[in-house]
Each structure stands twice: as C-alpha cells, then as structure tokens.
Amino acid sequence: MVATPYETPAPVVTSGGYVKPAHLIHTADEPLSHKASTRLRQLLARDEIVVAPGVCDGISARCALEAGFDCLYQSGAATTAAKLGQPDLAIATLPDFVQNASMITNFARAVPLIADADTGFGGPAMVARTVQMYDRAGVAALHIEDQVQTKRCGHLLGKQVVSTEEFVTRIRAAIQARDAIPGCDIVIIARTDSAQVLGMDEAVRRLQAAAAVGADVAFIEGVKTQELLEKTVKALAPCPVLVNVISGGLTPSFTTKEAEAMGAKIIIFSLVSCVAMVHGLREAMSLLKKTGTDHTSARGMDPREFFKVVGLDEVVEADRRAGGTALASI
C-alpha cells in the first residue's frame, strides 16, 4: 500500500510510558482541519509560532477575529474581570469559564480557542469534569496549573503551589479524561507557577514530569528573561512551550517574532483586550462626564456600524437564506 502525504504518524511513547494515540499526532504538511482542536495540533506541527490574543467577551472575540487572528485565548483573569467585575483571585467558577468559552467558540468554529482552566477546579474527578465540559464547549486547548485552589493571577505576588505529585495527578487526570472521550483531541497544556516560588530549575522539572505523563504543551508562568526562555525551550524539547506576555507583568514584552526566535511555539497576550477596554472606557466615561455628550468617543460609529462588529450582516443573511422576511429591512 502506498502511503499518502498526509498519513497519520505512528503513536509516540513518552518517557513516562504514556502512549500518545496516533490521532493526536500531526505533520506540518497536512491541510488544516475544520475541527478547532485538530487545527491547533496541526498549527503546532508547523514552523510558525501560534499567536493568540487574549479575549474576554463577545466584542473582544469579534474584534480579534476581524483583525485576522487564527487562534484566540480566553484568559481566566480577563474572564473574571469582564464577566464578574472581580480580580483574578479564584472567584470565577467552572460554569463561568465554560459559558464564556461556549459563546466565543460559536463565532468561528474552526478557529482554536485556548482556555485557562485554573487548577482544574478540584481533585482528579473535577479535573476530568472540566476537560469534558471544555470539550463540549468547543475549546481547542486548556491549561491546568499547579497553584493551590485559592489561586491568584500568575503575575501577582504571594503564590503558593501544590507538590509535584499533586500537579502531575491533575495533568494525568486531564489526559485520561481526554482519552476516554471518543475522538477527542483537545490539547492539554501543563502550566507551572512554581518559578517564582521554588525557582526555574524546579519549574522545568515539574513540566518535564507533566510531559512524561502526556501533557501536549508546557507553560512556565513568569519567565523573566530571554535566556531563561531559551533554556526552558531546550530543556523541555520536544514538548512545545507556551509563553504568556502581559505588559508590566513578570515576563518581558517579547514580540511574536522574538518569542518565535527563542523557540516558543505559542505566545498569548492575556490582557490585551481587557486593558485596552479599560483605557477606552475610562476615556469615554470621562468625556461624557465632562462634555455631556458621547459624540467624541463614538468617533462616528452609528448603531448599524456597531452591530456589524458583532455579526449583524451574518444574522440578516441567515434569515434571508432561510426565507425569513422580518429582517429584510433593517
């Protein structure tokens, strides 16, 4: 039998004995799938870095798609702030995250959404439920971290982490839950916040242990220098590395090209939407308070143009194709 150019590679066995199923492995020359999780795996097999801007609600997700991004990131901090108006201090719950993700993935089903899953929201059984619910929501990848349940934003001080054994148990639970779902290929990302608590060497060891039990991607929060990122990438190879850039945070403001040159495979900009929204809204509210009108902040955008941002034309067209007449004039 002659092999096709896109024949699925043979299964891979990790150093920890986990046999990665063949359907989770892809090559750079494959045509991109319309299934978001599969597409993300295919993008990771290619040379280019995957760039995912942080989104927090429907408007920010629509704007990111409009700008042409082919991957999105749902930040836990941004979701907590936008949905609840609260800081990232373990206040948002699993339903909050899943509901937000379900809304975002519905805009463009083939565009991968990487989503924060905090600690997995509990023990192994709860981690498994988290994977199941994220998969049903259409999420392409999720990351689970090693902070204690009363966690906080990874770029704040005072973090506490669980033992390596407990962290690996969380990752193993996520892998097993994923593999128990027929055809599921959601990407499991292992995140450690231990660098600021126990040092970079321990952080790397934790991610090596996570990769050994099947984690698809490694994520060290708070990598402080280019040298440390390059060292991390080398130490974790062949496991892909994700870097999180937040302006003013622990990690320098690496550009996508700089991160790619250092060997990172995914770069996320967690708060790009939320921070921009705060600046824009503060300015608009200040102008309204000062001038008594929203004319300046509107910048000429009328209601119709605003609704176009959030899918007006698509909804009208769907109604027309179905034979509806209610939206014929709008």
Protein backbone atom coordinates (compact mmCIF):
# COMPACT_ATOMS: atom_id res chain seq x y z
CA MET A 1 0.00 0.00 0.00
CA VAL A 2 1.42 3.39 -0.98
CA ALA A 3 1.49 5.93 1.84
CA THR A 4 -0.26 9.24 1.26
CA PRO A 5 1.49 12.55 2.02
CA TYR A 6 -0.84 13.00 5.00
CA GLU A 7 -0.65 9.55 6.53
CA THR A 8 -1.02 9.71 10.32
CA PRO A 9 2.30 9.10 12.10
CA ALA A 10 2.77 6.14 14.42
CA PRO A 11 1.96 6.57 18.12
CA VAL A 12 4.62 8.15 20.34
CA VAL A 13 5.61 6.83 23.77
CA THR A 14 6.67 9.43 26.34
CA SER A 15 9.46 8.94 28.86
CA GLY A 16 6.79 8.22 31.47
CA GLY A 17 5.27 5.41 29.41
CA TYR A 18 2.22 7.27 28.10
CA VAL A 19 1.34 6.08 24.60
CA LYS A 20 0.10 9.07 22.65
CA PRO A 21 -2.65 7.91 20.29
CA ALA A 22 -1.99 8.33 16.58
CA HIS A 23 -4.90 10.72 16.08
CA LEU A 24 -3.17 13.24 18.36
CA ILE A 25 -0.07 13.42 16.17
CA HIS A 26 0.11 15.58 13.04
CA THR A 27 2.61 16.74 10.45
CA ALA A 28 3.40 20.17 9.04
CA ASP A 29 2.15 19.38 5.53
CA GLU A 30 -1.41 18.45 6.47
CA PRO A 31 -4.31 20.57 5.20
CA LEU A 32 -5.88 22.41 8.11
CA SER A 33 -8.90 20.75 9.69
CA HIS A 34 -12.21 22.47 10.33
CA LYS A 35 -12.17 20.99 13.85
CA ALA A 36 -10.54 23.58 16.10
CA SER A 37 -8.59 21.22 18.37
CA THR A 38 -7.22 19.27 15.41
CA ARG A 39 -6.34 22.52 13.65
CA LEU A 40 -4.38 23.70 16.69
CA ARG A 41 -2.38 20.49 16.70
CA GLN A 42 -1.67 20.96 13.01
CA LEU A 43 -0.56 24.55 13.61
CA LEU A 44 1.79 23.35 16.36
CA ALA A 45 3.36 20.93 13.88
CA ARG A 46 4.29 23.81 11.60
CA ASP A 47 7.33 26.08 11.91
CA GLU A 48 5.49 29.31 12.71
CA ILE A 49 4.59 30.37 16.24
CA VAL A 50 0.89 30.31 17.17
CA VAL A 51 -0.24 33.79 18.22
CA ALA A 52 -3.33 34.03 20.44
CA PRO A 53 -4.62 37.39 21.68
CA GLY A 54 -6.49 37.34 24.97
CA VAL A 55 -10.24 37.82 24.64
CA CYS A 56 -12.75 38.19 27.44
CA ASP A 57 -16.20 38.62 25.89
CA GLY A 58 -18.12 38.63 22.64
CA ILE A 59 -16.96 42.06 21.46
CA SER A 60 -13.27 41.39 22.09
CA ALA A 61 -13.50 37.99 20.38
CA ARG A 62 -15.26 39.53 17.36
CA CYS A 63 -12.58 42.23 17.12
CA ALA A 64 -9.76 39.65 17.29
CA LEU A 65 -11.36 37.62 14.51
CA GLU A 66 -11.91 40.78 12.46
CA ALA A 67 -8.20 41.55 12.81
CA GLY A 68 -7.39 38.17 11.25
CA PHE A 69 -6.05 36.14 14.19
CA ASP A 70 -6.25 32.39 13.61
CA CYS A 71 -6.20 31.44 17.31
CA LEU A 72 -7.74 33.03 20.43
CA TYR A 73 -7.01 32.82 24.14
CA GLN A 74 -9.57 33.00 26.94
CA SER A 75 -7.73 34.34 29.97
CA GLY A 76 -9.05 33.43 33.39
CA ALA A 77 -8.13 36.87 34.69
CA ALA A 78 -9.85 38.59 31.77
CA THR A 79 -12.95 36.40 32.05
CA THR A 80 -13.22 37.06 35.78
CA ALA A 81 -12.85 40.79 35.23
CA ALA A 82 -15.24 41.07 32.28
CA LYS A 83 -17.90 38.62 33.45
CA LEU A 84 -17.87 39.30 37.19
CA GLY A 85 -16.06 42.61 37.60
CA GLN A 86 -13.71 40.91 40.05
CA PRO A 87 -9.92 40.36 40.33
CA ASP A 88 -8.26 37.06 39.44
CA LEU A 89 -8.34 35.53 42.93
CA ALA A 90 -10.14 32.20 42.39
CA ILE A 91 -13.54 33.90 42.33
CA ALA A 92 -14.79 32.69 38.93
CA THR A 93 -16.08 29.12 38.75
CA LEU A 94 -16.09 26.37 36.14
CA PRO A 95 -19.56 27.35 34.81
CA ASP A 96 -18.38 30.96 34.37
CA PHE A 97 -15.45 29.83 32.23
CA VAL A 98 -17.44 27.27 30.22
CA GLN A 99 -20.29 29.67 29.46
CA ASN A 100 -17.86 32.29 28.20
CA ALA A 101 -15.95 29.78 26.10
CA SER A 102 -19.15 28.37 24.55
CA MET A 103 -20.10 31.85 23.39
CA ILE A 104 -16.66 32.60 21.92
CA THR A 105 -16.20 29.31 20.07
CA ASN A 106 -19.58 29.75 18.38
CA PHE A 107 -18.34 32.74 16.35
CA ALA A 108 -15.85 30.74 14.26
CA ARG A 109 -15.93 27.02 14.95
CA ALA A 110 -12.66 26.29 13.15
CA VAL A 111 -10.63 28.94 14.99
CA PRO A 112 -8.94 27.35 18.03
CA LEU A 113 -9.67 28.78 21.46
CA ILE A 114 -7.07 28.12 24.15
CA ALA A 115 -8.74 28.49 27.53
CA ASP A 116 -7.49 28.92 31.07
CA ALA A 117 -8.78 26.16 33.36
CA ASP A 118 -7.06 27.37 36.54
CA THR A 119 -6.30 24.39 38.81
CA GLY A 120 -8.91 22.17 37.20
CA PHE A 121 -11.31 23.37 39.95
CA GLY A 122 -10.69 20.47 42.32
CA GLY A 123 -9.34 16.94 42.57
CA PRO A 124 -8.92 14.40 39.74
CA ALA A 125 -12.67 13.84 39.33
CA MET A 126 -13.26 17.57 38.98
CA VAL A 127 -10.34 17.94 36.57
CA ALA A 128 -11.93 15.22 34.44
CA ARG A 129 -15.27 17.03 34.50
CA THR A 130 -13.52 20.26 33.49
CA VAL A 131 -12.00 18.57 30.44
CA GLN A 132 -15.37 17.09 29.49
CA MET A 133 -17.16 20.43 29.77
CA TYR A 134 -14.45 22.35 27.91
CA ASP A 135 -14.54 19.78 25.12
CA ARG A 136 -18.32 20.08 24.80
CA ALA A 137 -17.91 23.87 24.68
CA GLY A 138 -15.66 23.55 21.62
CA VAL A 139 -12.45 24.59 23.37
CA ALA A 140 -9.33 23.51 21.45
CA ALA A 141 -6.88 23.57 24.37
CA LEU A 142 -6.89 24.16 28.10
CA HIS A 143 -4.16 24.73 30.64
CA ILE A 144 -4.13 23.41 34.19
CA GLU A 145 -1.72 24.80 36.76
CA ASP A 146 -0.02 23.80 40.00
CA GLN A 147 -1.23 26.61 42.26
CA VAL A 148 -3.30 25.80 45.34
CA GLN A 149 -7.07 26.05 44.96
CA THR A 150 -7.09 29.55 46.45
CA LYS A 151 -5.03 30.70 43.46
CA ARG A 152 -4.29 34.12 42.06
CA CYS A 153 -3.12 35.71 38.83
CA GLY A 154 0.28 34.31 37.91
CA HIS A 155 1.75 37.81 37.71
CA LEU A 156 0.84 38.72 41.31
CA LEU A 157 2.97 38.03 44.37
CA GLY A 158 2.36 35.53 47.18
CA LYS A 159 1.62 32.48 45.04
CA GLN A 160 1.57 29.01 46.62
CA VAL A 161 1.89 25.74 44.72
CA VAL A 162 0.99 22.13 45.38
CA SER A 163 3.51 19.29 45.33
CA THR A 164 4.88 17.96 42.07
CA GLU A 165 2.96 14.74 42.70
CA GLU A 166 -0.36 16.55 43.03
CA PHE A 167 0.36 18.64 39.93
CA VAL A 168 1.17 15.55 37.88
CA THR A 169 -2.00 13.90 39.18
CA ARG A 170 -4.01 16.85 37.83
CA ILE A 171 -2.36 16.56 34.41
CA ARG A 172 -2.77 12.77 34.33
CA ALA A 173 -6.45 13.15 35.20
CA ALA A 174 -6.89 15.60 32.32
CA ILE A 175 -5.10 13.28 29.87
CA GLN A 176 -7.14 10.27 30.95
CA ALA A 177 -10.39 12.22 30.71
CA ARG A 178 -9.50 13.40 27.21
CA ASP A 179 -8.53 9.93 26.05
CA ALA A 180 -11.80 8.49 27.42
CA ILE A 181 -13.85 10.69 25.08
CA PRO A 182 -14.13 9.01 21.66
CA GLY A 183 -12.32 11.05 19.01
CA CYS A 184 -11.41 13.85 21.42
CA ASP A 185 -8.09 15.57 20.74
CA ILE A 186 -8.31 18.64 22.98
CA VAL A 187 -4.79 19.89 23.71
CA ILE A 188 -3.71 19.57 27.36
CA ILE A 189 -1.31 22.29 28.48
CA ALA A 190 0.58 21.88 31.76
CA ARG A 191 1.23 25.22 33.48
CA THR A 192 3.51 25.77 36.45
CA ASP A 193 3.60 28.86 38.65
CA SER A 194 6.46 27.48 40.71
CA ALA A 195 9.26 29.56 39.14
CA GLN A 196 8.60 32.49 41.47
CA VAL A 197 8.19 30.16 44.49
CA LEU A 198 10.72 27.37 44.03
CA GLY A 199 12.94 28.60 41.18
CA MET A 200 13.24 27.96 37.44
CA ASP A 201 15.02 24.61 37.77
CA GLU A 202 12.13 23.18 39.80
CA ALA A 203 9.63 24.69 37.37
CA VAL A 204 11.33 22.92 34.47
CA ARG A 205 11.42 19.63 36.39
CA ARG A 206 7.69 19.89 37.07
CA LEU A 207 6.92 20.41 33.40
CA GLN A 208 9.20 17.56 32.39
CA ALA A 209 7.20 15.34 34.75
CA ALA A 210 3.95 16.62 33.24
CA ALA A 211 5.18 15.96 29.70
CA ALA A 212 6.20 12.46 30.74
CA VAL A 213 2.58 11.59 31.58
CA GLY A 214 1.27 13.05 28.33
CA ALA A 215 0.96 16.86 28.52
CA ASP A 216 0.95 18.24 24.98
CA VAL A 217 2.36 21.70 25.74
CA ALA A 218 4.41 23.19 28.61
CA PHE A 219 3.77 26.62 30.12
CA ILE A 220 6.02 28.29 32.71
CA GLU A 221 4.34 31.40 34.07
CA GLY A 222 6.61 34.38 34.69
CA VAL A 223 9.72 33.63 32.60
CA LYS A 224 11.77 36.76 33.32
CA THR A 225 14.48 36.84 30.64
CA GLN A 226 15.24 35.77 27.09
CA GLU A 227 17.99 33.49 28.37
CA LEU A 228 15.60 31.69 30.71
CA LEU A 229 13.01 31.19 27.98
CA GLU A 230 15.61 29.76 25.60
CA LYS A 231 16.91 27.48 28.36
CA THR A 232 13.36 26.34 29.13
CA VAL A 233 12.61 25.53 25.49
CA LYS A 234 15.78 23.47 25.23
CA ALA A 235 15.18 21.61 28.49
CA LEU A 236 11.60 20.67 27.58
CA ALA A 237 12.16 19.69 23.94
CA PRO A 238 10.40 18.14 22.09
CA CYS A 239 7.42 19.35 24.14
CA PRO A 240 6.23 22.72 22.74
CA VAL A 241 6.48 25.72 25.07
CA LEU A 242 3.88 28.46 25.58
CA VAL A 243 4.89 31.95 26.75
CA ASN A 244 2.48 34.42 28.31
CA VAL A 245 3.16 38.13 27.75
CA ILE A 246 1.42 40.76 29.87
CA SER A 247 2.63 44.34 29.65
CA GLY A 248 4.10 45.27 33.02
CA GLY A 249 3.99 41.64 34.21
CA LEU A 250 6.79 39.26 35.18
CA THR A 251 7.68 38.31 31.60
CA PRO A 252 9.30 40.93 29.32
CA SER A 253 7.16 42.27 26.48
CA PHE A 254 8.53 39.86 23.90
CA THR A 255 7.17 40.38 20.40
CA THR A 256 5.82 37.41 18.49
CA LYS A 257 8.94 37.34 16.30
CA GLU A 258 11.25 37.47 19.32
CA ALA A 259 9.40 34.64 21.07
CA GLU A 260 9.47 32.59 17.88
CA ALA A 261 13.23 33.11 17.57
CA MET A 262 13.64 31.88 21.16
CA GLY A 263 11.84 28.66 20.26
CA ALA A 264 8.41 29.23 21.80
CA LYS A 265 5.54 27.58 19.89
CA ILE A 266 2.62 29.56 21.36
CA ILE A 267 2.50 33.15 22.57
CA ILE A 268 -0.53 34.54 24.35
CA PHE A 269 -1.28 38.14 25.26
CA SER A 270 -3.66 37.54 28.14
CA LEU A 271 -4.88 41.03 28.98
CA VAL A 272 -4.59 42.80 25.63
CA SER A 273 -8.39 43.13 25.32
CA CYS A 274 -9.20 43.96 28.94
CA VAL A 275 -6.51 46.59 29.36
CA ALA A 276 -7.47 48.29 26.09
CA MET A 277 -11.12 48.24 27.16
CA VAL A 278 -10.31 49.87 30.49
CA HIS A 279 -8.38 52.67 28.77
CA GLY A 280 -11.10 53.20 26.16
CA LEU A 281 -13.98 53.10 28.63
CA ARG A 282 -12.29 55.41 31.09
CA GLU A 283 -11.71 57.93 28.34
CA ALA A 284 -15.29 57.65 27.05
CA MET A 285 -16.82 57.98 30.51
CA SER A 286 -14.58 60.90 31.38
CA LEU A 287 -15.53 62.69 28.16
CA LEU A 288 -19.23 62.05 28.74
CA LYS A 289 -18.98 63.37 32.29
CA LYS A 290 -17.04 66.43 31.14
CA THR A 291 -18.88 67.33 27.93
CA GLY A 292 -22.37 65.87 28.46
CA THR A 293 -22.27 64.01 25.10
CA ASP A 294 -20.84 60.80 23.68
CA HIS A 295 -20.23 62.36 20.25
CA THR A 296 -16.44 62.45 20.58
CA SER A 297 -15.95 58.95 21.93
CA ALA A 298 -18.28 57.44 19.31
CA ARG A 299 -15.87 58.52 16.56
CA GLY A 300 -18.66 58.47 14.03
CA MET A 301 -19.78 54.88 14.70
CA ASP A 302 -23.55 54.71 14.44
CA PRO A 303 -25.70 51.84 15.77
CA ARG A 304 -25.67 49.95 12.48
CA GLU A 305 -21.89 50.06 12.23
CA PHE A 306 -21.62 48.88 15.83
CA PHE A 307 -23.95 45.94 15.21
CA LYS A 308 -21.87 44.99 12.17
CA VAL A 309 -18.96 44.42 14.53
CA VAL A 310 -21.00 41.78 16.36
CA GLY A 311 -22.37 39.94 13.34
CA LEU A 312 -25.33 41.93 12.02
CA ASP A 313 -24.69 41.05 8.37
CA GLU A 314 -24.34 37.33 9.11
CA VAL A 315 -27.61 37.22 11.05
CA VAL A 316 -29.51 39.13 8.35
CA GLU A 317 -28.11 36.82 5.67
CA ALA A 318 -29.01 33.69 7.65
CA ASP A 319 -32.58 34.97 7.98
CA ARG A 320 -32.77 35.74 4.24
CA ARG A 321 -31.46 32.33 3.14
CA ALA A 322 -33.99 30.60 5.37
CA GLY A 323 -36.82 32.52 3.69
CA GLY A 324 -37.40 34.93 6.54
CA THR A 325 -38.70 38.45 5.88
CA ALA A 326 -38.55 40.09 9.31
CA LEU A 327 -35.01 41.37 8.73
CA ALA A 328 -35.42 42.33 5.06
CA SER A 329 -35.26 45.98 6.00
CA ILE A 330 -33.08 46.83 8.94
